[in-house]
């Protein structure tokens, strides 16, 4: 299986960073980090979760992701970068990975719902509540979202970002960001709807107890104005992950603005830390 790779499939001597996109989301999310990946000498692989383990759920799904990470990295130490609900998937995958994990980087991370009273503070409350009610409610909501992403994408974007806060307000008015987001939503909710439902269904289950199993050196990046994943989620992850050594709170940033500022820094750190080509 092939995944989008930046800066190129021939960059086999670069340190490997695996990107776990958000939900909704798609590998296209990290295309804007092409220049940073090239400049820092990092092989950035956008893992296409929709194509992995069709029909698998729960622990077999995360184990399949871990096996794919090992295959892509070819035994070299690997960094995992998870954004939003992709951070949840990265955490659960890291527990299963057998090759060395050089770093786990969590950006705007969604913490376990069983870890605190978070749901009322989250912009995606309606979606998570539907997922918790069962597959019927979630599939109906996903069908409606997919229709909107296809036929009224501007309205879909406006609804998603109606409560944008902090620096995300400026992003929401940026034409390039609006186009990118509409493309990502279409890919996620049409072509990748099965993967979207699978990740959401897994996320709303209790998993807070698994945080203690994370062994990789972990850094957390979170905007203080995040309305998708409140900053209290970052505090929980810092407290519960035994190897979480750094919590970088980014003043005035929200969900996507944190991603856009944190990713180049993380890639630079990964590139600088390497002592020799893998």
Protein backbone atom coordinates (compact mmCIF):
# COMPACT_ATOMS: atom_id res chain seq x y z
CA UNK A 1 0.00 0.00 0.00
CA UNK A 2 1.23 3.46 -0.90
CA UNK A 3 0.61 6.61 1.12
CA UNK A 4 1.26 10.23 0.19
CA UNK A 5 4.92 10.88 1.06
CA UNK A 6 6.68 14.20 1.44
CA UNK A 7 9.22 15.20 0.23
CA UNK A 8 9.42 12.09 -1.96
CA UNK A 9 9.50 8.33 -2.17
CA UNK A 10 13.26 8.41 -2.81
CA UNK A 11 14.03 10.15 0.51
CA UNK A 12 14.88 6.86 2.22
CA UNK A 13 17.71 8.34 4.28
CA UNK A 14 15.43 10.87 5.99
CA UNK A 15 13.98 10.43 9.49
CA UNK A 16 10.40 9.18 9.22
CA UNK A 17 7.37 11.06 10.56
CA UNK A 18 3.92 9.50 10.21
CA UNK A 19 1.02 11.97 10.12
CA UNK A 20 -2.39 10.97 11.52
CA UNK A 21 -5.02 13.33 10.11
CA UNK A 22 -8.05 14.66 11.95
CA UNK A 23 -11.64 13.39 11.84
CA UNK A 24 -13.10 14.53 9.52
CA UNK A 25 -9.82 14.71 7.69
CA UNK A 26 -7.65 13.26 4.95
CA UNK A 27 -3.96 12.85 4.09
CA UNK A 28 -4.35 16.04 2.04
CA UNK A 29 -4.20 17.94 5.36
CA UNK A 30 -0.42 17.84 5.51
CA UNK A 31 0.21 18.94 1.91
CA UNK A 32 0.83 22.49 3.13
CA UNK A 33 3.85 21.20 5.09
CA UNK A 34 5.71 20.08 1.95
CA UNK A 35 8.20 22.96 2.13
CA UNK A 36 8.90 22.46 5.84
CA UNK A 37 9.46 18.72 5.29
CA UNK A 38 11.92 19.40 2.49
CA UNK A 39 13.78 22.09 4.38
CA UNK A 40 14.15 20.05 7.55
CA UNK A 41 14.99 16.75 5.85
CA UNK A 42 12.05 14.75 7.21
CA UNK A 43 10.23 12.01 5.33
CA UNK A 44 6.64 12.91 6.14
CA UNK A 45 4.18 10.10 5.41
CA UNK A 46 0.48 10.92 5.42
CA UNK A 47 -1.05 7.64 6.51
CA UNK A 48 -4.23 6.84 4.57
CA UNK A 49 -6.24 5.15 7.32
CA UNK A 50 -9.32 4.66 5.16
CA UNK A 51 -7.46 2.09 3.06
CA UNK A 52 -6.08 0.12 6.01
CA UNK A 53 -7.76 -2.93 7.49
CA UNK A 54 -11.21 -2.66 5.89
CA UNK A 55 -13.68 -4.27 8.24
CA UNK A 56 -11.36 -4.08 11.22
CA UNK A 57 -12.30 -2.21 14.37
CA UNK A 58 -11.04 -1.83 17.92
CA UNK A 59 -7.64 -3.23 18.83
CA UNK A 60 -7.19 -5.19 15.56
CA UNK A 61 -7.54 -1.87 13.70
CA UNK A 62 -4.88 -0.15 15.81
CA UNK A 63 -2.62 -3.19 15.51
CA UNK A 64 -2.98 -3.05 11.71
CA UNK A 65 -2.02 0.64 11.77
CA UNK A 66 1.03 -0.20 13.91
CA UNK A 67 2.08 -2.89 11.44
CA UNK A 68 1.76 -0.41 8.57
CA UNK A 69 3.88 2.14 10.46
CA UNK A 70 6.55 -0.51 10.93
CA UNK A 71 6.40 -1.40 7.24
CA UNK A 72 6.65 2.20 6.08
CA UNK A 73 9.50 3.04 8.47
CA UNK A 74 11.34 -0.16 7.52
CA UNK A 75 12.64 -0.60 11.05
CA UNK A 76 14.00 2.93 11.46
CA UNK A 77 13.04 4.99 14.52
CA UNK A 78 9.79 6.72 13.70
CA UNK A 79 7.94 9.81 14.89
CA UNK A 80 4.14 9.85 15.11
CA UNK A 81 2.31 13.16 14.65
CA UNK A 82 -1.40 13.20 15.49
CA UNK A 83 -3.78 16.11 14.93
CA UNK A 84 -7.16 16.45 16.63
CA UNK A 85 -8.87 13.01 16.69
CA UNK A 86 -5.87 11.77 14.75
CA UNK A 87 -3.95 12.25 18.01
CA UNK A 88 -6.27 9.68 19.61
CA UNK A 89 -5.52 7.25 16.79
CA UNK A 90 -1.79 7.95 17.08
CA UNK A 91 -1.87 7.24 20.83
CA UNK A 92 -3.72 3.96 20.42
CA UNK A 93 -1.44 2.95 17.55
CA UNK A 94 1.73 3.80 19.50
CA UNK A 95 0.77 1.24 22.14
CA UNK A 96 0.97 -1.52 19.49
CA UNK A 97 4.12 -0.46 17.64
CA UNK A 98 7.08 -2.82 17.96
CA UNK A 99 9.72 -0.66 16.22
CA UNK A 100 11.36 2.20 18.16
CA UNK A 101 9.12 5.26 18.44
CA UNK A 102 11.42 8.26 18.65
CA UNK A 103 8.64 10.67 19.48
CA UNK A 104 4.87 11.07 19.78
CA UNK A 105 3.68 14.59 18.92
CA UNK A 106 0.07 15.48 19.76
CA UNK A 107 -1.42 18.63 18.23
CA UNK A 108 -4.84 20.02 19.27
CA UNK A 109 -5.39 16.55 20.68
CA UNK A 110 -8.77 15.11 21.59
CA UNK A 111 -8.44 13.44 24.99
CA UNK A 112 -10.67 10.57 26.15
CA UNK A 113 -14.22 11.66 26.96
CA UNK A 114 -14.18 9.42 30.02
CA UNK A 115 -11.33 11.52 31.41
CA UNK A 116 -13.40 14.56 32.33
CA UNK A 117 -16.43 16.76 31.69
CA UNK A 118 -15.38 17.81 28.20
CA UNK A 119 -18.31 17.19 25.87
CA UNK A 120 -20.26 20.38 26.53
CA UNK A 121 -17.14 22.42 25.71
CA UNK A 122 -16.53 20.76 22.33
CA UNK A 123 -17.69 22.22 19.01
CA UNK A 124 -18.30 18.66 17.74
CA UNK A 125 -20.60 17.70 20.61
CA UNK A 126 -23.48 16.74 18.29
CA UNK A 127 -21.29 14.34 16.29
CA UNK A 128 -19.77 12.70 19.36
CA UNK A 129 -23.19 12.35 20.96
CA UNK A 130 -24.49 10.65 17.81
CA UNK A 131 -21.52 8.28 17.80
CA UNK A 132 -22.17 7.41 21.45
CA UNK A 133 -25.83 6.60 20.67
CA UNK A 134 -24.82 3.94 18.17
CA UNK A 135 -24.11 3.28 14.50
CA UNK A 136 -27.61 4.18 13.32
CA UNK A 137 -27.49 7.75 14.62
CA UNK A 138 -23.90 8.27 13.47
CA UNK A 139 -24.55 6.88 9.98
CA UNK A 140 -27.55 9.18 9.54
CA UNK A 141 -25.54 12.21 10.58
CA UNK A 142 -22.61 11.17 8.38
CA UNK A 143 -24.94 10.80 5.40
CA UNK A 144 -26.26 14.31 5.94
CA UNK A 145 -22.72 15.71 6.28
CA UNK A 146 -21.59 13.91 3.12
CA UNK A 147 -24.51 15.37 1.18
CA UNK A 148 -23.64 18.87 2.40
CA UNK A 149 -19.93 18.42 1.61
CA UNK A 150 -20.88 17.48 -1.95
CA UNK A 151 -23.71 19.89 -2.75
CA UNK A 152 -23.44 22.85 -0.36
CA UNK A 153 -19.78 22.88 0.68
CA UNK A 154 -19.77 26.57 1.54
CA UNK A 155 -22.66 26.12 3.96
CA UNK A 156 -20.96 23.06 5.44
CA UNK A 157 -17.81 25.09 6.06
CA UNK A 158 -19.77 27.96 7.60
CA UNK A 159 -21.57 25.64 10.00
CA UNK A 160 -18.34 23.96 11.08
CA UNK A 161 -16.57 27.24 11.73
CA UNK A 162 -19.50 29.22 13.12
CA UNK A 163 -17.91 29.04 16.57
CA UNK A 164 -14.32 29.60 15.44
CA UNK A 165 -12.25 31.31 18.12
CA UNK A 166 -8.80 32.78 18.48
CA UNK A 167 -6.61 32.72 15.40
CA UNK A 168 -9.00 30.26 13.71
CA UNK A 169 -11.31 33.22 13.03
CA UNK A 170 -8.77 34.65 10.60
CA UNK A 171 -8.23 31.26 9.00
CA UNK A 172 -11.96 30.85 8.46
CA UNK A 173 -11.98 33.95 6.24
CA UNK A 174 -8.90 32.91 4.25
CA UNK A 175 -9.92 31.72 0.73
CA UNK A 176 -7.08 29.20 0.44
CA UNK A 177 -7.92 27.61 3.80
CA UNK A 178 -11.60 27.47 2.88
CA UNK A 179 -10.79 25.65 -0.38
CA UNK A 180 -8.42 23.20 1.34
CA UNK A 181 -10.94 22.45 4.06
CA UNK A 182 -13.78 21.87 1.61
CA UNK A 183 -11.58 19.40 -0.31
CA UNK A 184 -10.63 17.59 2.91
CA UNK A 185 -14.26 17.38 4.01
CA UNK A 186 -15.34 15.97 0.67
CA UNK A 187 -12.60 13.33 0.72
CA UNK A 188 -13.36 12.39 4.30
CA UNK A 189 -17.13 12.28 4.15
CA UNK A 190 -17.57 10.79 0.69
CA UNK A 191 -14.62 8.58 -0.18
CA UNK A 192 -13.53 8.06 3.42
CA UNK A 193 -16.84 7.87 5.26
CA UNK A 194 -16.16 4.33 6.45
CA UNK A 195 -12.91 5.41 8.05
CA UNK A 196 -14.58 8.51 9.50
CA UNK A 197 -17.25 6.41 11.20
CA UNK A 198 -14.71 3.85 12.41
CA UNK A 199 -12.51 6.46 14.10
CA UNK A 200 -15.44 8.29 15.70
CA UNK A 201 -16.95 5.05 16.99
CA UNK A 202 -13.65 4.08 18.60
CA UNK A 203 -13.05 7.53 20.05
CA UNK A 204 -16.28 7.76 22.06
CA UNK A 205 -15.58 4.45 23.82
CA UNK A 206 -13.79 4.61 27.21
CA UNK A 207 -10.04 4.57 26.65
CA UNK A 208 -8.58 6.80 29.34
CA UNK A 209 -7.00 3.85 31.12
CA UNK A 210 -4.84 3.15 28.04
CA UNK A 211 -2.89 6.41 28.39
CA UNK A 212 -0.63 4.82 31.01
CA UNK A 213 0.57 2.33 28.37
CA UNK A 214 2.21 5.00 26.18
CA UNK A 215 5.99 4.56 26.33
CA UNK A 216 7.13 7.00 23.63
CA UNK A 217 8.56 10.39 24.52
CA UNK A 218 5.52 12.65 24.09
CA UNK A 219 5.11 16.33 23.36
CA UNK A 220 1.76 18.13 23.38
CA UNK A 221 0.87 21.27 21.44
CA UNK A 222 -2.41 23.02 22.17
CA UNK A 223 -3.98 26.42 21.57
CA UNK A 224 -5.45 28.21 24.56
CA UNK A 225 -8.48 29.30 22.51
CA UNK A 226 -9.34 25.86 21.09
CA UNK A 227 -13.10 25.28 20.89
CA UNK A 228 -12.86 21.86 19.20
CA UNK A 229 -10.69 20.27 21.89
CA UNK A 230 -10.60 22.44 25.04
CA UNK A 231 -7.15 23.08 26.48
CA UNK A 232 -8.16 21.11 29.58
CA UNK A 233 -7.79 18.03 27.37
CA UNK A 234 -4.11 18.83 26.92
CA UNK A 235 -3.72 19.13 30.68
CA UNK A 236 -5.28 15.69 31.13
CA UNK A 237 -2.97 14.11 28.55
CA UNK A 238 0.07 15.72 30.18
CA UNK A 239 -1.02 14.32 33.54
CA UNK A 240 -1.99 10.82 32.39
CA UNK A 241 0.70 9.95 29.82
CA UNK A 242 3.75 8.96 31.88
CA UNK A 243 6.20 9.98 29.13
CA UNK A 244 4.56 13.36 28.36
CA UNK A 245 7.47 15.67 29.12
CA UNK A 246 6.40 18.83 27.30
CA UNK A 247 3.12 20.73 27.11
CA UNK A 248 3.37 23.66 24.72
CA UNK A 249 0.35 25.92 25.25
CA UNK A 250 0.07 28.38 22.38
CA UNK A 251 -1.56 31.62 23.44
CA UNK A 252 -4.46 32.82 21.31
CA UNK A 253 -4.35 29.87 18.93
CA UNK A 254 -7.22 27.51 18.34
CA UNK A 255 -7.50 24.16 16.57
CA UNK A 256 -6.13 24.60 13.05
CA UNK A 257 -4.01 27.65 13.81
CA UNK A 258 -2.18 25.54 16.39
CA UNK A 259 -1.58 22.83 13.77
CA UNK A 260 -0.18 25.31 11.27
CA UNK A 261 2.22 26.86 13.77
CA UNK A 262 3.25 23.65 15.53
CA UNK A 263 3.97 21.43 12.52
CA UNK A 264 6.97 23.37 11.13
CA UNK A 265 8.47 23.51 14.63
CA UNK A 266 7.99 19.77 15.14
CA UNK A 267 9.48 18.95 11.74
CA UNK A 268 12.46 21.17 12.51
CA UNK A 269 12.99 19.41 15.84
CA UNK A 270 12.81 15.99 14.18
CA UNK A 271 15.27 17.02 11.48
CA UNK A 272 17.68 18.65 13.94
CA UNK A 273 17.63 15.71 16.35
CA UNK A 274 18.91 13.14 13.88
CA UNK A 275 22.55 12.27 14.33
CA UNK A 276 22.92 10.34 11.10
CA UNK A 277 20.76 9.19 8.17
CA UNK A 278 18.59 6.19 8.99
